[in-house]
Amino acid sequence: MLMGHEGWESYFELSRDGVLRSFYGLLLILPNFYLIAYVVQRQKYDQVYNNLSEILPLSAITITLTIYLLSFSALALIVAMVFDFQDRLRPWLITRHWCVIWLSIIIGLVFSIHSLGFISFYFANFIALLGFLNILFIDICLAKSILCYKNGPAILIGCGINIIGLSIILISIN
């Protein structure tokens, strides 16, 4: 679908309400990210905590995740304005949001399986890395199919978007 197949638009509601729903859908990501952050912090300190707030300050995590999730929208708006793609901004936002939502749900399920003791932390972490690389691939494909860029500019846009998002996460860790 993201590789330029005709009719991909029929899978998404590309109206103004579709944009709002995709932003509301981003809220579905928060519990998955909380679970992932909890498991990573628990592994980092090699302890089991009785209370979630002992290991994760929820306000700091919520602010960081909100900035991370909205960073794509801000960058997409800037790219759309600079390169005059305002007419393609809505499909770009909606498609990217729903792709990331489903990907984060899958990664959250993997970390849930780890929490139940069925898979190792390293395997769950490897799946999370693959998920992050998949977001990069999604961003490149979206730049190619929605913005109609060739390979070079599409890769540059995808890498730029992911570098900003990763920078936000890495800054928040410190």
Protein backbone atom coordinates (compact mmCIF):
# COMPACT_ATOMS: atom_id res chain seq x y z
CA MET A 1 0.00 0.00 0.00
CA LEU A 2 2.75 2.47 0.88
CA MET A 3 4.80 1.51 -2.13
CA GLY A 4 2.73 3.53 -4.58
CA HIS A 5 -0.15 1.15 -5.27
CA GLU A 6 -3.18 2.84 -6.75
CA GLY A 7 -6.21 3.20 -4.52
CA TRP A 8 -4.37 3.25 -1.17
CA GLU A 9 -6.45 6.28 -0.19
CA SER A 10 -9.54 4.08 0.16
CA TYR A 11 -8.05 2.48 3.30
CA PHE A 12 -8.02 5.79 5.20
CA GLU A 13 -10.57 8.47 5.96
CA LEU A 14 -8.83 11.52 4.51
CA SER A 15 -11.34 14.13 5.72
CA ARG A 16 -10.86 16.79 8.38
CA ASP A 17 -12.51 14.42 10.87
CA GLY A 18 -10.01 11.75 9.79
CA VAL A 19 -7.16 14.02 10.88
CA LEU A 20 -8.76 14.52 14.30
CA ARG A 21 -9.38 10.79 14.66
CA SER A 22 -5.77 10.04 13.79
CA PHE A 23 -4.61 12.44 16.52
CA TYR A 24 -7.01 10.77 18.98
CA GLY A 25 -5.63 7.44 17.78
CA LEU A 26 -2.19 8.58 18.89
CA LEU A 27 -3.57 8.41 22.43
CA LEU A 28 -3.77 4.63 21.93
CA ILE A 29 0.01 4.62 21.76
CA LEU A 30 0.53 6.00 25.27
CA PRO A 31 -0.25 2.81 27.24
CA ASN A 32 2.09 0.84 24.97
CA PHE A 33 4.89 3.36 25.44
CA TYR A 34 4.32 3.37 29.21
CA LEU A 35 4.63 -0.42 29.26
CA ILE A 36 7.77 -0.35 27.11
CA ALA A 37 9.35 2.39 29.25
CA TYR A 38 8.50 0.47 32.43
CA VAL A 39 10.05 -2.77 31.13
CA VAL A 40 13.18 -0.99 29.90
CA GLN A 41 13.62 0.89 33.19
CA ARG A 42 13.01 -2.27 35.20
CA GLN A 43 15.63 -4.09 33.12
CA LYS A 44 18.04 -1.17 33.43
CA TYR A 45 17.92 -1.17 37.22
CA ASP A 46 17.40 -4.94 37.51
CA GLN A 47 14.69 -4.61 40.13
CA VAL A 48 10.99 -5.24 40.43
CA TYR A 49 9.04 -2.27 41.69
CA ASN A 50 5.77 -2.44 43.60
CA ASN A 51 4.51 0.86 42.29
CA LEU A 52 4.68 2.18 38.73
CA SER A 53 5.40 5.72 39.92
CA GLU A 54 8.57 4.49 41.68
CA ILE A 55 10.22 3.79 38.35
CA LEU A 56 8.40 6.07 35.90
CA PRO A 57 7.49 9.67 36.61
CA LEU A 58 4.25 9.66 34.59
CA SER A 59 4.15 13.42 34.06
CA ALA A 60 7.67 13.50 32.57
CA ILE A 61 6.97 10.45 30.39
CA THR A 62 3.66 11.93 29.20
CA ILE A 63 5.26 15.25 28.26
CA THR A 64 8.12 13.51 26.44
CA LEU A 65 5.79 11.18 24.54
CA THR A 66 3.47 14.03 23.61
CA ILE A 67 6.37 16.05 22.21
CA TYR A 68 7.66 12.96 20.39
CA LEU A 69 4.27 12.13 18.89
CA LEU A 70 3.59 15.72 17.82
CA SER A 71 7.09 16.25 16.40
CA PHE A 72 6.17 14.44 13.20
CA SER A 73 3.09 16.60 12.69
CA ALA A 74 5.10 19.78 13.21
CA LEU A 75 7.84 18.64 10.82
CA ALA A 76 5.29 17.50 8.24
CA LEU A 77 3.62 20.90 8.39
CA ILE A 78 6.97 22.67 7.90
CA VAL A 79 7.94 20.42 4.97
CA ALA A 80 4.49 20.84 3.40
CA MET A 81 4.69 24.62 3.68
CA VAL A 82 8.29 24.96 2.49
CA PHE A 83 7.87 22.63 -0.49
CA ASP A 84 4.24 23.65 -1.22
CA PHE A 85 2.56 20.31 -0.45
CA GLN A 86 -0.29 21.64 1.70
CA ASP A 87 -2.78 19.62 -0.35
CA ARG A 88 -0.96 16.39 0.59
CA LEU A 89 -0.49 17.20 4.29
CA ARG A 90 -3.77 15.62 5.42
CA PRO A 91 -3.15 12.21 3.75
CA TRP A 92 0.45 12.27 4.98
CA LEU A 93 -0.55 12.91 8.60
CA ILE A 94 -3.40 10.42 8.67
CA THR A 95 -1.50 7.60 6.99
CA ARG A 96 1.62 8.02 9.10
CA HIS A 97 -0.34 8.28 12.34
CA TRP A 98 -2.27 5.05 11.74
CA CYS A 99 0.82 3.16 10.59
CA VAL A 100 2.67 4.18 13.76
CA ILE A 101 -0.37 3.38 15.92
CA TRP A 102 -0.58 -0.21 14.64
CA LEU A 103 3.17 -0.67 14.82
CA SER A 104 3.28 0.53 18.44
CA ILE A 105 0.41 -1.77 19.38
CA ILE A 106 2.36 -4.72 17.97
CA ILE A 107 5.51 -3.70 19.85
CA GLY A 108 3.46 -3.21 23.03
CA LEU A 109 2.13 -6.74 22.64
CA VAL A 110 5.68 -8.06 22.31
CA PHE A 111 6.68 -6.31 25.54
CA SER A 112 3.53 -7.69 27.21
CA ILE A 113 4.60 -11.19 26.18
CA HIS A 114 8.03 -10.44 27.67
CA SER A 115 6.39 -9.25 30.91
CA LEU A 116 4.61 -12.59 31.12
CA GLY A 117 7.99 -14.32 30.87
CA PHE A 118 7.55 -16.00 27.48
CA ILE A 119 10.34 -14.18 25.64
CA SER A 120 13.58 -12.55 26.72
CA PHE A 121 14.09 -8.83 27.13
CA TYR A 122 16.71 -8.85 24.41
CA PHE A 123 14.31 -10.37 21.91
CA ALA A 124 11.61 -7.81 22.82
CA ASN A 125 14.16 -5.02 22.53
CA PHE A 126 15.24 -6.37 19.13
CA ILE A 127 11.60 -6.27 17.96
CA ALA A 128 11.37 -2.66 19.21
CA LEU A 129 14.49 -1.80 17.18
CA LEU A 130 12.93 -3.42 14.12
CA GLY A 131 9.80 -1.38 14.79
CA PHE A 132 11.81 1.84 14.88
CA LEU A 133 13.52 0.90 11.62
CA ASN A 134 10.09 0.12 10.21
CA ILE A 135 8.97 3.67 11.09
CA LEU A 136 11.92 4.94 9.06
CA PHE A 137 10.88 2.72 6.16
CA ILE A 138 7.26 3.94 6.48
CA ASP A 139 8.38 7.58 6.43
CA ILE A 140 10.48 7.01 3.31
CA CYS A 141 7.63 5.20 1.56
CA LEU A 142 5.16 7.92 2.49
CA ALA A 143 7.47 10.62 1.18
CA LYS A 144 7.71 8.67 -2.07
CA SER A 145 4.03 7.82 -2.49
CA ILE A 146 2.23 10.82 -0.99
CA LEU A 147 4.71 13.60 -1.70
CA CYS A 148 5.84 12.00 -4.97
CA TYR A 149 9.53 12.40 -4.22
CA LYS A 150 12.22 10.27 -5.79
CA ASN A 151 14.45 8.03 -3.65
CA GLY A 152 17.05 10.60 -2.54
CA PRO A 153 14.73 13.32 -1.22
CA ALA A 154 12.36 10.71 0.25
CA ILE A 155 15.23 9.12 2.20
CA LEU A 156 16.38 12.56 3.37
CA ILE A 157 12.88 13.46 4.60
CA GLY A 158 12.41 10.07 6.30
CA CYS A 159 15.80 10.23 8.00
CA GLY A 160 15.26 13.85 9.08
CA ILE A 161 11.91 13.05 10.66
CA ASN A 162 13.32 10.06 12.52
CA ILE A 163 16.43 11.92 13.67
CA ILE A 164 14.27 14.61 15.27
CA GLY A 165 12.05 12.00 16.96
CA LEU A 166 15.00 9.98 18.21
CA SER A 167 16.71 13.15 19.47
CA ILE A 168 13.64 14.00 21.55
CA ILE A 169 13.63 10.53 23.10
CA LEU A 170 17.40 10.53 23.75
CA ILE A 171 17.34 14.01 25.31
CA SER A 172 14.54 12.94 27.61
CA ILE A 173 16.49 9.90 28.77
CA ASN A 174 19.27 12.11 30.09
